[in-house]
PDB file of all heavy atoms in Angstrom:
ATOM      1  N   SER A   1      94.869 125.623 -58.454  1.00  0.00           N
ATOM      2  CA  SER A   1      94.859 126.874 -59.262  1.00  0.00           C
ATOM      3  C   SER A   1      96.285 126.997 -59.848  1.00  0.00           C
ATOM      4  O   SER A   1      97.040 126.071 -59.919  1.00  0.00           O
ATOM      5  CB  SER A   1      94.547 128.066 -58.398  1.00  0.00           C
ATOM      6  OG  SER A   1      95.428 128.197 -57.325  1.00  0.00           O
ATOM      7  N   LYS A   2      96.706 128.212 -60.208  1.00  0.00           N
ATOM      8  CA  LYS A   2      97.997 128.481 -60.798  1.00  0.00           C
ATOM      9  C   LYS A   2      98.167 127.626 -62.069  1.00  0.00           C
ATOM     10  O   LYS A   2      97.439 127.770 -62.995  1.00  0.00           O
ATOM     11  CB  LYS A   2      99.074 128.324 -59.841  1.00  0.00           C
ATOM     12  CG  LYS A   2      98.852 129.102 -58.506  1.00  0.00           C
ATOM     13  CD  LYS A   2     100.075 129.399 -57.803  1.00  0.00           C
ATOM     14  CE  LYS A   2      99.872 130.175 -56.479  1.00  0.00           C
ATOM     15  NZ  LYS A   2      98.608 129.912 -55.778  1.00  0.00           N
ATOM     16  N   GLY A   3      99.143 126.809 -62.155  1.00  0.00           N
ATOM     17  CA  GLY A   3      99.472 126.076 -63.311  1.00  0.00           C
ATOM     18  C   GLY A   3      98.384 125.155 -63.831  1.00  0.00           C
ATOM     19  O   GLY A   3      98.245 124.922 -65.053  1.00  0.00           O
ATOM     20  N   LEU A   4      97.588 124.584 -62.967  1.00  0.00           N
ATOM     21  CA  LEU A   4      96.545 123.707 -63.389  1.00  0.00           C
ATOM     22  C   LEU A   4      95.284 124.402 -63.870  1.00  0.00           C
ATOM     23  O   LEU A   4      94.465 123.838 -64.474  1.00  0.00           O
ATOM     24  CB  LEU A   4      96.188 122.669 -62.256  1.00  0.00           C
ATOM     25  CG  LEU A   4      97.293 121.733 -61.835  1.00  0.00           C
ATOM     26  CD1 LEU A   4      96.848 120.866 -60.732  1.00  0.00           C
ATOM     27  CD2 LEU A   4      97.815 120.943 -62.979  1.00  0.00           C
ATOM     28  N   GLY A   5      95.184 125.687 -63.561  1.00  0.00           N
ATOM     29  CA  GLY A   5      94.131 126.528 -64.136  1.00  0.00           C
ATOM     30  C   GLY A   5      92.808 126.584 -63.436  1.00  0.00           C
ATOM     31  O   GLY A   5      91.887 127.225 -63.969  1.00  0.00           O
ATOM     32  N   ALA A   6      92.578 125.834 -62.367  1.00  0.00           N
ATOM     33  CA  ALA A   6      91.346 125.918 -61.700  1.00  0.00           C
ATOM     34  C   ALA A   6      91.257 127.248 -60.950  1.00  0.00           C
ATOM     35  O   ALA A   6      92.216 127.815 -60.580  1.00  0.00           O
ATOM     36  CB  ALA A   6      91.205 124.710 -60.711  1.00  0.00           C
ATOM     37  N   PRO A   7      89.952 127.740 -60.768  1.00  0.00           N
ATOM     38  CA  PRO A   7      89.874 129.058 -60.095  1.00  0.00           C
ATOM     39  C   PRO A   7      90.329 128.982 -58.621  1.00  0.00           C
ATOM     40  O   PRO A   7      90.761 129.986 -58.079  1.00  0.00           O
ATOM     41  CB  PRO A   7      88.408 129.418 -60.189  1.00  0.00           C
ATOM     42  CG  PRO A   7      87.736 128.158 -60.557  1.00  0.00           C
ATOM     43  CD  PRO A   7      88.696 127.274 -61.190  1.00  0.00           C
ATOM     44  N   SER A   8      90.196 127.873 -58.020  1.00  0.00           N
ATOM     45  CA  SER A   8      90.696 127.714 -56.650  1.00  0.00           C
ATOM     46  C   SER A   8      90.580 126.222 -56.307  1.00  0.00           C
ATOM     47  O   SER A   8      90.169 125.397 -57.108  1.00  0.00           O
ATOM     48  CB  SER A   8      89.847 128.481 -55.677  1.00  0.00           C
ATOM     49  OG  SER A   8      88.556 127.926 -55.542  1.00  0.00           O
ATOM     50  N   GLY A   9      90.982 125.891 -55.139  1.00  0.00           N
ATOM     51  CA  GLY A   9      90.875 124.467 -54.654  1.00  0.00           C
ATOM     52  C   GLY A   9      92.236 123.846 -54.412  1.00  0.00           C
ATOM     53  O   GLY A   9      93.253 124.216 -54.996  1.00  0.00           O
ATOM     54  N   ALA A  10      92.189 122.896 -53.459  1.00  0.00           N
ATOM     55  CA  ALA A  10      93.422 122.165 -53.174  1.00  0.00           C
ATOM     56  C   ALA A  10      93.044 120.859 -52.536  1.00  0.00           C
ATOM     57  O   ALA A  10      91.851 120.679 -52.073  1.00  0.00           O
ATOM     58  CB  ALA A  10      94.300 122.950 -52.158  1.00  0.00           C
ATOM     59  N   VAL A  11      93.935 119.943 -52.449  1.00  0.00           N
ATOM     60  CA  VAL A  11      93.659 118.624 -51.787  1.00  0.00           C
ATOM     61  C   VAL A  11      94.816 118.433 -50.838  1.00  0.00           C
ATOM     62  O   VAL A  11      95.948 118.999 -50.965  1.00  0.00           O
ATOM     63  CB  VAL A  11      93.565 117.400 -52.725  1.00  0.00           C
ATOM     64  CG1 VAL A  11      92.323 117.542 -53.581  1.00  0.00           C
ATOM     65  CG2 VAL A  11      94.828 117.275 -53.578  1.00  0.00           C
ATOM     66  N   LEU A  12      94.544 117.654 -49.766  1.00  0.00           N
ATOM     67  CA  LEU A  12      95.571 117.311 -48.770  1.00  0.00           C
ATOM     68  C   LEU A  12      95.531 115.774 -48.667  1.00  0.00           C
ATOM     69  O   LEU A  12      94.429 115.187 -48.571  1.00  0.00           O
ATOM     70  CB  LEU A  12      95.217 117.924 -47.421  1.00  0.00           C
ATOM     71  CG  LEU A  12      96.118 117.647 -46.261  1.00  0.00           C
ATOM     72  CD1 LEU A  12      97.520 118.243 -46.534  1.00  0.00           C
ATOM     73  CD2 LEU A  12      95.552 118.138 -44.991  1.00  0.00           C
ATOM     74  N   ALA A  13      96.649 115.144 -48.743  1.00  0.00           N
ATOM     75  CA  ALA A  13      96.710 113.716 -48.592  1.00  0.00           C
ATOM     76  C   ALA A  13      97.772 113.313 -47.538  1.00  0.00           C
ATOM     77  O   ALA A  13      98.744 114.009 -47.363  1.00  0.00           O
ATOM     78  CB  ALA A  13      97.139 113.092 -49.928  1.00  0.00           C
ATOM     79  N   GLY A  14      97.478 112.280 -46.826  1.00  0.00           N
ATOM     80  CA  GLY A  14      98.335 111.777 -45.834  1.00  0.00           C
ATOM     81  C   GLY A  14      97.680 110.621 -45.125  1.00  0.00           C
ATOM     82  O   GLY A  14      96.631 110.104 -45.602  1.00  0.00           O
ATOM     83  N   CYS A  15      98.158 110.261 -43.945  1.00  0.00           N
ATOM     84  CA  CYS A  15      97.569 109.163 -43.226  1.00  0.00           C
ATOM     85  C   CYS A  15      96.205 109.609 -42.668  1.00  0.00           C
ATOM     86  O   CYS A  15      95.932 110.803 -42.604  1.00  0.00           O
ATOM     87  CB  CYS A  15      98.481 108.707 -42.104  1.00  0.00           C
ATOM     88  SG  CYS A  15      98.586 109.875 -40.741  1.00  0.00           S
ATOM     89  N   ARG A  16      95.331 108.695 -42.458  1.00  0.00           N
ATOM     90  CA  ARG A  16      93.973 108.995 -42.004  1.00  0.00           C
ATOM     91  C   ARG A  16      93.847 109.910 -40.843  1.00  0.00           C
ATOM     92  O   ARG A  16      93.172 110.850 -40.756  1.00  0.00           O
ATOM     93  CB  ARG A  16      93.198 107.701 -41.739  1.00  0.00           C
ATOM     94  CG  ARG A  16      91.745 107.911 -41.326  1.00  0.00           C
ATOM     95  CD  ARG A  16      90.984 106.642 -41.101  1.00  0.00           C
ATOM     96  NE  ARG A  16      91.052 105.707 -42.245  1.00  0.00           N
ATOM     97  CZ  ARG A  16      90.205 105.773 -43.306  1.00  0.00           C
ATOM     98  NH1 ARG A  16      89.355 106.727 -43.375  1.00  0.00           N
ATOM     99  NH2 ARG A  16      90.355 104.877 -44.266  1.00  0.00           N
ATOM    100  N   GLU A  17      94.753 109.666 -39.827  1.00  0.00           N
ATOM    101  CA  GLU A  17      94.781 110.496 -38.593  1.00  0.00           C
ATOM    102  C   GLU A  17      95.131 111.935 -38.968  1.00  0.00           C
ATOM    103  O   GLU A  17      94.521 112.929 -38.486  1.00  0.00           O
ATOM    104  CB  GLU A  17      95.739 109.951 -37.593  1.00  0.00           C
ATOM    105  CG  GLU A  17      95.347 108.545 -37.063  1.00  0.00           C
ATOM    106  CD  GLU A  17      95.781 107.411 -38.007  1.00  0.00           C
ATOM    107  OE1 GLU A  17      96.676 107.631 -38.862  1.00  0.00           O
ATOM    108  OE2 GLU A  17      95.109 106.334 -37.908  1.00  0.00           O
ATOM    109  N   PHE A  18      96.165 112.100 -39.822  1.00  0.00           N
ATOM    110  CA  PHE A  18      96.534 113.456 -40.147  1.00  0.00           C
ATOM    111  C   PHE A  18      95.468 114.207 -40.933  1.00  0.00           C
ATOM    112  O   PHE A  18      95.159 115.354 -40.627  1.00  0.00           O
ATOM    113  CB  PHE A  18      97.862 113.357 -41.055  1.00  0.00           C
ATOM    114  CG  PHE A  18      98.221 114.719 -41.626  1.00  0.00           C
ATOM    115  CD1 PHE A  18      98.915 115.649 -40.848  1.00  0.00           C
ATOM    116  CD2 PHE A  18      98.028 115.034 -42.962  1.00  0.00           C
ATOM    117  CE1 PHE A  18      99.288 116.856 -41.376  1.00  0.00           C
ATOM    118  CE2 PHE A  18      98.402 116.219 -43.510  1.00  0.00           C
ATOM    119  CZ  PHE A  18      99.015 117.193 -42.719  1.00  0.00           C
ATOM    120  N   VAL A  19      94.911 113.564 -41.912  1.00  0.00           N
ATOM    121  CA  VAL A  19      93.870 114.218 -42.675  1.00  0.00           C
ATOM    122  C   VAL A  19      92.601 114.530 -41.830  1.00  0.00           C
ATOM    123  O   VAL A  19      91.977 115.595 -41.896  1.00  0.00           O
ATOM    124  CB  VAL A  19      93.420 113.373 -43.899  1.00  0.00           C
ATOM    125  CG1 VAL A  19      92.202 113.898 -44.635  1.00  0.00           C
ATOM    126  CG2 VAL A  19      94.616 113.222 -44.883  1.00  0.00           C
ATOM    127  N   THR A  20      92.234 113.565 -40.884  1.00  0.00           N
ATOM    128  CA  THR A  20      91.136 113.856 -39.957  1.00  0.00           C
ATOM    129  C   THR A  20      91.402 115.052 -39.118  1.00  0.00           C
ATOM    130  O   THR A  20      90.581 115.955 -38.942  1.00  0.00           O
ATOM    131  CB  THR A  20      90.871 112.589 -39.117  1.00  0.00           C
ATOM    132  OG1 THR A  20      90.565 111.552 -39.993  1.00  0.00           O
ATOM    133  CG2 THR A  20      89.762 112.857 -38.124  1.00  0.00           C
ATOM    134  N   GLU A  21      92.643 115.193 -38.550  1.00  0.00           N
ATOM    135  CA  GLU A  21      93.028 116.302 -37.701  1.00  0.00           C
ATOM    136  C   GLU A  21      93.000 117.599 -38.603  1.00  0.00           C
ATOM    137  O   GLU A  21      92.478 118.687 -38.094  1.00  0.00           O
ATOM    138  CB  GLU A  21      94.412 116.134 -37.074  1.00  0.00           C
ATOM    139  CG  GLU A  21      94.770 117.261 -36.244  1.00  0.00           C
ATOM    140  CD  GLU A  21      96.188 117.113 -35.685  1.00  0.00           C
ATOM    141  OE1 GLU A  21      96.811 116.068 -35.784  1.00  0.00           O
ATOM    142  OE2 GLU A  21      96.679 118.092 -35.045  1.00  0.00           O
ATOM    143  N   ALA A  22      93.548 117.597 -39.766  1.00  0.00           N
ATOM    144  CA  ALA A  22      93.513 118.745 -40.634  1.00  0.00           C
ATOM    145  C   ALA A  22      92.131 119.206 -41.004  1.00  0.00           C
ATOM    146  O   ALA A  22      91.727 120.364 -40.992  1.00  0.00           O
ATOM    147  CB  ALA A  22      94.255 118.461 -41.947  1.00  0.00           C
ATOM    148  N   TRP A  23      91.181 118.193 -41.225  1.00  0.00           N
ATOM    149  CA  TRP A  23      89.789 118.515 -41.474  1.00  0.00           C
ATOM    150  C   TRP A  23      89.179 119.260 -40.326  1.00  0.00           C
ATOM    151  O   TRP A  23      88.501 120.244 -40.485  1.00  0.00           O
ATOM    152  CB  TRP A  23      89.098 117.168 -41.766  1.00  0.00           C
ATOM    153  CG  TRP A  23      87.610 117.349 -42.103  1.00  0.00           C
ATOM    154  CD1 TRP A  23      86.563 117.269 -41.285  1.00  0.00           C
ATOM    155  CD2 TRP A  23      87.099 117.702 -43.384  1.00  0.00           C
ATOM    156  NE1 TRP A  23      85.358 117.521 -41.950  1.00  0.00           N
ATOM    157  CE2 TRP A  23      85.715 117.720 -43.242  1.00  0.00           C
ATOM    158  CE3 TRP A  23      87.615 117.917 -44.659  1.00  0.00           C
ATOM    159  CZ2 TRP A  23      84.839 117.976 -44.326  1.00  0.00           C
ATOM    160  CZ3 TRP A  23      86.798 118.129 -45.726  1.00  0.00           C
ATOM    161  CH2 TRP A  23      85.382 118.189 -45.498  1.00  0.00           C
ATOM    162  N   CYS A  24      89.421 118.765 -39.099  1.00  0.00           N
ATOM    163  CA  CYS A  24      88.859 119.411 -37.885  1.00  0.00           C
ATOM    164  C   CYS A  24      89.410 120.791 -37.699  1.00  0.00           C
ATOM    165  O   CYS A  24      88.655 121.737 -37.403  1.00  0.00           O
ATOM    166  CB  CYS A  24      89.203 118.557 -36.649  1.00  0.00           C
ATOM    167  SG  CYS A  24      88.306 116.995 -36.615  1.00  0.00           S
ATOM    168  N   VAL A  25      90.726 120.996 -37.897  1.00  0.00           N
ATOM    169  CA  VAL A  25      91.347 122.290 -37.818  1.00  0.00           C
ATOM    170  C   VAL A  25      90.791 123.279 -38.763  1.00  0.00           C
ATOM    171  O   VAL A  25      90.469 124.402 -38.503  1.00  0.00           O
ATOM    172  CB  VAL A  25      92.863 122.248 -37.869  1.00  0.00           C
ATOM    173  CG1 VAL A  25      93.487 123.585 -38.030  1.00  0.00           C
ATOM    174  CG2 VAL A  25      93.431 121.481 -36.691  1.00  0.00           C
TER     175      VAL A  25
END
């Protein structure tokens, strides 16, 4: 959102373990 203009949404990138933990949380 904001500068890119989408109504909402975000992505998270990192190592597989970090993204898996973030997904669970």
